[in-house]
Amino acid sequence: MIIHTVQLSRSRGLDVPVVDVTVKSASGEARFVAPTWDMVMGYKRGIISEEEYTLLYEDILECNERRILDFFSTYDKVALACYCRPAAFCHRVLLAEWLVKKSGASYIGELSVC
């Protein structure tokens, strides 16, 4: 599997399937890779550090590992999308890196859309 990341607002019209991985709008099986509202708001308010957020998020992924790997195994190529700005600390990159580690996928990086 080839993985890209992209900001949701830049994801229209891409030639790769886009999976919304946000707590706000993810649906179906993608809900199992979304962070919690407490994590998102804690990070935004400066209560949770990047390191704490990463550990909490990895716990979510590990608890749902089989379900997540089964879901993403249906894709040859996918773009993980959320609302964060490109180059900002973001769970879509954490998810991409986790999928590389767990499934042998290739993370190509953030899609640059003009």
Protein backbone atom coordinates (compact mmCIF):
# COMPACT_ATOMS: atom_id res chain seq x y z
CA MET A 1 0.00 0.00 0.00
CA ILE A 2 1.14 3.51 -0.81
CA ILE A 3 0.13 6.16 1.72
CA HIS A 4 -0.13 9.90 1.27
CA THR A 5 -1.38 12.51 3.71
CA VAL A 6 -3.42 15.57 2.81
CA GLN A 7 -5.36 18.38 4.45
CA LEU A 8 -9.11 17.74 3.99
CA SER A 9 -9.67 21.15 2.42
CA ARG A 10 -7.16 20.21 -0.30
CA SER A 11 -8.44 16.69 -0.93
CA ARG A 12 -11.11 17.29 -3.56
CA GLY A 13 -10.43 15.95 -7.02
CA LEU A 14 -7.48 13.77 -6.11
CA ASP A 15 -6.82 10.63 -8.13
CA VAL A 16 -6.27 8.63 -4.92
CA PRO A 17 -8.94 7.46 -2.46
CA VAL A 18 -9.19 9.84 0.51
CA VAL A 19 -9.97 8.54 4.01
CA ASP A 20 -11.13 11.14 6.53
CA VAL A 21 -9.43 10.18 9.81
CA THR A 22 -10.83 12.96 12.01
CA VAL A 23 -12.88 12.70 15.17
CA LYS A 24 -15.18 15.36 13.71
CA SER A 25 -16.21 13.75 10.43
CA ALA A 26 -14.71 10.27 9.96
CA SER A 27 -17.24 7.57 9.21
CA GLY A 28 -17.41 3.79 9.17
CA GLU A 29 -14.21 1.88 9.91
CA ALA A 30 -12.17 5.10 9.72
CA ARG A 31 -13.64 6.08 13.11
CA PHE A 32 -11.22 3.56 14.65
CA VAL A 33 -8.23 5.69 13.65
CA ALA A 34 -9.63 9.00 14.87
CA PRO A 35 -8.22 10.60 18.02
CA THR A 36 -10.63 11.47 20.81
CA TRP A 37 -12.09 14.94 21.35
CA ASP A 38 -10.25 15.10 24.69
CA MET A 39 -6.94 14.53 22.91
CA VAL A 40 -7.62 17.09 20.19
CA MET A 41 -8.84 19.80 22.55
CA GLY A 42 -6.15 19.02 25.14
CA TYR A 43 -3.46 19.46 22.50
CA LYS A 44 -5.02 22.65 21.12
CA ARG A 45 -5.24 24.11 24.65
CA GLY A 46 -1.64 23.18 25.48
CA ILE A 47 -2.67 20.68 28.17
CA ILE A 48 -1.35 17.68 26.24
CA SER A 49 2.13 17.73 24.71
CA GLU A 50 3.03 16.22 21.34
CA GLU A 51 4.68 13.34 23.18
CA GLU A 52 1.60 12.67 25.34
CA TYR A 53 -0.70 12.95 22.33
CA THR A 54 1.48 10.49 20.40
CA LEU A 55 1.35 7.94 23.22
CA LEU A 56 -2.42 8.29 23.60
CA TYR A 57 -2.92 7.98 19.85
CA GLU A 58 -0.66 4.93 19.59
CA ASP A 59 -2.77 3.31 22.33
CA ILE A 60 -5.88 3.84 20.18
CA LEU A 61 -4.16 2.29 17.17
CA GLU A 62 -2.83 -0.68 19.13
CA CYS A 63 -6.22 -1.39 20.71
CA ASN A 64 -7.82 -1.47 17.25
CA GLU A 65 -4.86 -2.93 15.34
CA ARG A 66 -6.58 -5.87 13.62
CA ARG A 67 -9.59 -3.83 12.57
CA ILE A 68 -7.41 -0.99 11.25
CA LEU A 69 -5.07 -3.27 9.33
CA ASP A 70 -8.01 -5.15 7.81
CA PHE A 71 -9.62 -1.89 6.73
CA PHE A 72 -6.51 -0.43 5.13
CA SER A 73 -5.55 -3.71 3.46
CA THR A 74 -8.34 -3.01 0.95
CA TYR A 75 -6.36 -0.07 -0.48
CA ASP A 76 -3.46 -0.14 -2.92
CA LYS A 77 -3.11 3.60 -2.54
CA VAL A 78 -4.74 5.96 -0.01
CA ALA A 79 -4.57 9.53 1.26
CA LEU A 80 -5.12 10.03 5.00
CA ALA A 81 -6.92 13.33 5.51
CA CYS A 82 -7.71 15.63 8.42
CA TYR A 83 -8.07 19.34 9.15
CA CYS A 84 -4.50 20.06 10.33
CA ARG A 85 -2.28 22.33 8.25
CA PRO A 86 0.46 20.65 6.21
CA ALA A 87 3.76 20.39 8.11
CA ALA A 88 2.02 20.81 11.50
CA PHE A 89 2.16 18.10 14.17
CA CYS A 90 -0.68 15.83 13.12
CA HIS A 91 -2.12 12.39 13.76
CA ARG A 92 -2.48 11.66 10.03
CA VAL A 93 1.32 11.46 9.86
CA LEU A 94 1.44 9.38 13.05
CA LEU A 95 -1.08 7.01 11.47
CA ALA A 96 0.90 6.81 8.22
CA GLU A 97 4.08 5.97 10.15
CA TRP A 98 2.24 3.37 12.25
CA LEU A 99 0.84 1.72 9.10
CA VAL A 100 4.34 1.58 7.62
CA LYS A 101 5.61 -0.14 10.75
CA LYS A 102 2.68 -2.56 11.06
CA SER A 103 1.92 -3.40 7.42
CA GLY A 104 5.03 -2.63 5.41
CA ALA A 105 3.23 0.16 3.54
CA SER A 106 5.18 3.00 1.94
CA TYR A 107 4.55 6.54 3.16
CA ILE A 108 5.21 8.91 0.28
CA GLY A 109 4.44 12.11 2.21
CA GLU A 110 2.04 15.03 2.09
CA LEU A 111 0.29 15.62 -1.21
CA SER A 112 0.93 19.11 -2.50
CA VAL A 113 -2.17 20.38 -4.19
CA CYS A 114 -2.12 23.72 -5.98
